[in-house]
Amino acid sequence: MIETSATTEIIDFIAHENPQKVMEFKVSHLTKQRVFSLIEASKNGELPQEEQKELEQYLLLEHLMRMAKIKAYQLLHGK
């Protein structure tokens, strides 16, 4: 994913709201199961276009959250 100024602004906003909560955030078990099932179907070439979009959306959100966690860590540890 290309980092744009808009992406950076959103990541900074999320991280600054409550860095500790951002660090502690984890998706639900149900969400994990859904994503793993989408990934498996994708590997097997069995993923309909609608579900491919769902997987791509999740991967984008996961990337944003990882970046927000990095920023939150930096805020909490003065880096």
N, C-alpha and C. Protein backbone atom coordinates (compact mmCIF):
# COMPACT_ATOMS: atom_id res chain seq x y z
N MET A 1 0.84 -1.18 0.00
CA MET A 1 0.00 0.00 0.00
C MET A 1 0.89 1.24 0.00
N ILE A 2 0.55 2.19 -0.82
CA ILE A 2 1.30 3.44 -0.89
C ILE A 2 0.82 4.34 0.25
N GLU A 3 1.78 4.84 1.02
CA GLU A 3 1.44 5.75 2.11
C GLU A 3 1.22 7.15 1.54
N THR A 4 0.03 7.69 1.73
CA THR A 4 -0.28 9.04 1.27
C THR A 4 -0.44 9.93 2.49
N SER A 5 -0.53 11.22 2.27
CA SER A 5 -0.72 12.12 3.40
C SER A 5 -2.05 11.83 4.09
N ALA A 6 -3.06 11.45 3.33
CA ALA A 6 -4.36 11.12 3.94
C ALA A 6 -4.23 9.87 4.81
N THR A 7 -3.50 8.88 4.30
CA THR A 7 -3.29 7.66 5.08
C THR A 7 -2.56 7.98 6.37
N THR A 8 -1.51 8.77 6.26
CA THR A 8 -0.74 9.15 7.44
C THR A 8 -1.60 9.92 8.44
N GLU A 9 -2.44 10.81 7.98
CA GLU A 9 -3.33 11.56 8.87
C GLU A 9 -4.26 10.63 9.63
N ILE A 10 -4.82 9.67 8.93
CA ILE A 10 -5.75 8.74 9.57
C ILE A 10 -5.02 7.87 10.59
N ILE A 11 -3.85 7.37 10.23
CA ILE A 11 -3.06 6.56 11.15
C ILE A 11 -2.70 7.36 12.39
N ASP A 12 -2.25 8.59 12.20
CA ASP A 12 -1.91 9.45 13.34
C ASP A 12 -3.12 9.71 14.22
N PHE A 13 -4.27 9.95 13.62
CA PHE A 13 -5.48 10.20 14.39
C PHE A 13 -5.83 8.99 15.26
N ILE A 14 -5.83 7.81 14.64
CA ILE A 14 -6.16 6.60 15.40
C ILE A 14 -5.18 6.40 16.55
N ALA A 15 -3.90 6.51 16.27
CA ALA A 15 -2.87 6.27 17.27
C ALA A 15 -2.92 7.26 18.42
N HIS A 16 -3.21 8.53 18.12
CA HIS A 16 -3.22 9.55 19.15
C HIS A 16 -4.46 9.52 20.05
N GLU A 17 -5.54 8.93 19.59
CA GLU A 17 -6.78 8.91 20.38
C GLU A 17 -6.57 8.23 21.72
N ASN A 18 -6.00 7.06 21.71
CA ASN A 18 -5.70 6.33 22.94
C ASN A 18 -4.65 5.28 22.60
N PRO A 19 -3.38 5.67 22.65
CA PRO A 19 -2.32 4.76 22.21
C PRO A 19 -2.35 3.39 22.90
N GLN A 20 -2.66 3.35 24.18
CA GLN A 20 -2.68 2.08 24.89
C GLN A 20 -3.78 1.16 24.35
N LYS A 21 -4.96 1.71 24.10
CA LYS A 21 -6.05 0.90 23.56
C LYS A 21 -5.74 0.44 22.14
N VAL A 22 -5.09 1.29 21.37
CA VAL A 22 -4.69 0.90 20.02
C VAL A 22 -3.75 -0.29 20.09
N MET A 23 -2.79 -0.26 21.00
CA MET A 23 -1.84 -1.35 21.16
C MET A 23 -2.53 -2.65 21.58
N GLU A 24 -3.58 -2.53 22.38
CA GLU A 24 -4.27 -3.71 22.91
C GLU A 24 -5.32 -4.28 21.95
N PHE A 25 -5.68 -3.54 20.91
CA PHE A 25 -6.76 -3.97 20.03
C PHE A 25 -6.44 -5.27 19.30
N LYS A 26 -7.43 -6.16 19.29
CA LYS A 26 -7.35 -7.40 18.51
C LYS A 26 -8.72 -7.67 17.93
N VAL A 27 -8.75 -8.20 16.71
CA VAL A 27 -10.03 -8.53 16.11
C VAL A 27 -10.60 -9.77 16.80
N SER A 28 -11.89 -9.95 16.66
CA SER A 28 -12.57 -11.08 17.30
C SER A 28 -12.16 -12.40 16.65
N HIS A 29 -12.39 -13.47 17.38
CA HIS A 29 -12.12 -14.81 16.88
C HIS A 29 -12.95 -15.07 15.62
N LEU A 30 -14.19 -14.61 15.62
CA LEU A 30 -15.07 -14.79 14.47
C LEU A 30 -14.50 -14.11 13.22
N THR A 31 -13.97 -12.91 13.38
CA THR A 31 -13.36 -12.20 12.25
C THR A 31 -12.13 -12.94 11.75
N LYS A 32 -11.30 -13.41 12.68
CA LYS A 32 -10.11 -14.18 12.28
C LYS A 32 -10.51 -15.40 11.46
N GLN A 33 -11.52 -16.11 11.92
CA GLN A 33 -11.97 -17.30 11.20
C GLN A 33 -12.43 -16.94 9.79
N ARG A 34 -13.19 -15.85 9.67
CA ARG A 34 -13.68 -15.43 8.36
C ARG A 34 -12.53 -15.10 7.41
N VAL A 35 -11.56 -14.36 7.91
CA VAL A 35 -10.43 -13.97 7.08
C VAL A 35 -9.62 -15.20 6.66
N PHE A 36 -9.37 -16.12 7.59
CA PHE A 36 -8.63 -17.32 7.24
C PHE A 36 -9.37 -18.13 6.18
N SER A 37 -10.69 -18.18 6.29
CA SER A 37 -11.47 -18.91 5.30
C SER A 37 -11.39 -18.23 3.93
N LEU A 38 -11.41 -16.89 3.91
CA LEU A 38 -11.27 -16.15 2.65
C LEU A 38 -9.88 -16.38 2.03
N ILE A 39 -8.86 -16.39 2.87
CA ILE A 39 -7.50 -16.61 2.38
C ILE A 39 -7.37 -18.00 1.78
N GLU A 40 -7.90 -19.00 2.47
CA GLU A 40 -7.84 -20.38 1.96
C GLU A 40 -8.56 -20.50 0.62
N ALA A 41 -9.76 -19.91 0.54
CA ALA A 41 -10.52 -19.96 -0.71
C ALA A 41 -9.75 -19.24 -1.83
N SER A 42 -9.09 -18.16 -1.49
CA SER A 42 -8.31 -17.41 -2.47
C SER A 42 -7.13 -18.24 -2.98
N LYS A 43 -6.45 -18.93 -2.07
CA LYS A 43 -5.32 -19.78 -2.46
C LYS A 43 -5.76 -20.88 -3.41
N ASN A 44 -6.99 -21.37 -3.20
CA ASN A 44 -7.50 -22.46 -4.03
C ASN A 44 -8.20 -21.96 -5.29
N GLY A 45 -8.19 -20.65 -5.49
CA GLY A 45 -8.83 -20.07 -6.66
C GLY A 45 -10.35 -20.18 -6.64
N GLU A 46 -10.92 -20.25 -5.45
CA GLU A 46 -12.36 -20.46 -5.30
C GLU A 46 -13.07 -19.24 -4.71
N LEU A 47 -12.50 -18.07 -4.86
CA LEU A 47 -13.05 -16.88 -4.21
C LEU A 47 -13.83 -16.03 -5.20
N PRO A 48 -15.15 -15.92 -5.00
CA PRO A 48 -15.95 -15.05 -5.87
C PRO A 48 -15.49 -13.58 -5.74
N GLN A 49 -15.79 -12.79 -6.74
CA GLN A 49 -15.34 -11.40 -6.77
C GLN A 49 -15.78 -10.62 -5.52
N GLU A 50 -17.01 -10.83 -5.07
CA GLU A 50 -17.51 -10.12 -3.89
C GLU A 50 -16.67 -10.45 -2.66
N GLU A 51 -16.32 -11.71 -2.50
CA GLU A 51 -15.50 -12.10 -1.35
C GLU A 51 -14.05 -11.66 -1.52
N GLN A 52 -13.58 -11.57 -2.75
CA GLN A 52 -12.23 -11.04 -3.00
C GLN A 52 -12.16 -9.59 -2.53
N LYS A 53 -13.21 -8.83 -2.82
CA LYS A 53 -13.26 -7.43 -2.35
C LYS A 53 -13.28 -7.38 -0.83
N GLU A 54 -14.02 -8.29 -0.21
CA GLU A 54 -14.08 -8.35 1.25
C GLU A 54 -12.69 -8.62 1.83
N LEU A 55 -11.97 -9.57 1.23
CA LEU A 55 -10.62 -9.89 1.68
C LEU A 55 -9.68 -8.71 1.50
N GLU A 56 -9.75 -8.05 0.36
CA GLU A 56 -8.90 -6.89 0.11
C GLU A 56 -9.18 -5.77 1.11
N GLN A 57 -10.45 -5.58 1.44
CA GLN A 57 -10.81 -4.56 2.42
C GLN A 57 -10.23 -4.90 3.79
N TYR A 58 -10.34 -6.15 4.18
CA TYR A 58 -9.77 -6.54 5.47
C TYR A 58 -8.26 -6.33 5.48
N LEU A 59 -7.59 -6.71 4.40
CA LEU A 59 -6.13 -6.55 4.36
C LEU A 59 -5.72 -5.09 4.44
N LEU A 60 -6.48 -4.21 3.82
CA LEU A 60 -6.22 -2.78 3.92
C LEU A 60 -6.39 -2.30 5.37
N LEU A 61 -7.49 -2.71 5.99
CA LEU A 61 -7.74 -2.31 7.38
C LEU A 61 -6.66 -2.86 8.31
N GLU A 62 -6.25 -4.09 8.06
CA GLU A 62 -5.19 -4.68 8.88
C GLU A 62 -3.90 -3.87 8.75
N HIS A 63 -3.58 -3.46 7.54
CA HIS A 63 -2.37 -2.66 7.33
C HIS A 63 -2.47 -1.33 8.07
N LEU A 64 -3.61 -0.66 7.95
CA LEU A 64 -3.79 0.62 8.65
C LEU A 64 -3.65 0.44 10.16
N MET A 65 -4.23 -0.64 10.68
CA MET A 65 -4.16 -0.86 12.12
C MET A 65 -2.74 -1.19 12.56
N ARG A 66 -2.02 -1.94 11.76
CA ARG A 66 -0.62 -2.22 12.10
C ARG A 66 0.20 -0.93 12.14
N MET A 67 -0.03 -0.07 11.16
CA MET A 67 0.69 1.21 11.13
C MET A 67 0.30 2.07 12.34
N ALA A 68 -0.98 2.05 12.71
CA ALA A 68 -1.44 2.80 13.88
C ALA A 68 -0.80 2.24 15.15
N LYS A 69 -0.64 0.93 15.22
CA LYS A 69 -0.01 0.32 16.39
C LYS A 69 1.47 0.72 16.49
N ILE A 70 2.13 0.79 15.34
CA ILE A 70 3.53 1.25 15.34
C ILE A 70 3.60 2.67 15.87
N LYS A 71 2.72 3.53 15.37
CA LYS A 71 2.70 4.93 15.82
C LYS A 71 2.36 5.00 17.30
N ALA A 72 1.37 4.22 17.75
CA ALA A 72 1.00 4.22 19.17
C ALA A 72 2.17 3.76 20.04
N TYR A 73 2.88 2.76 19.59
CA TYR A 73 4.06 2.28 20.33
C TYR A 73 5.08 3.41 20.45
N GLN A 74 5.31 4.12 19.35
CA GLN A 74 6.26 5.22 19.38
C GLN A 74 5.80 6.31 20.37
N LEU A 75 4.51 6.60 20.40
CA LEU A 75 3.98 7.60 21.31
C LEU A 75 4.16 7.16 22.76
N LEU A 76 3.91 5.90 23.03
CA LEU A 76 4.01 5.39 24.40
C LEU A 76 5.46 5.27 24.89
N HIS A 77 6.37 5.08 23.97
CA HIS A 77 7.75 4.86 24.35
C HIS A 77 8.68 6.01 23.95
N GLY A 78 8.08 7.15 23.61
CA GLY A 78 8.86 8.35 23.34
C GLY A 78 9.83 8.23 22.20
N LYS A 79 9.44 7.56 21.15
CA LYS A 79 10.36 7.39 20.01
C LYS A 79 9.90 8.22 18.84
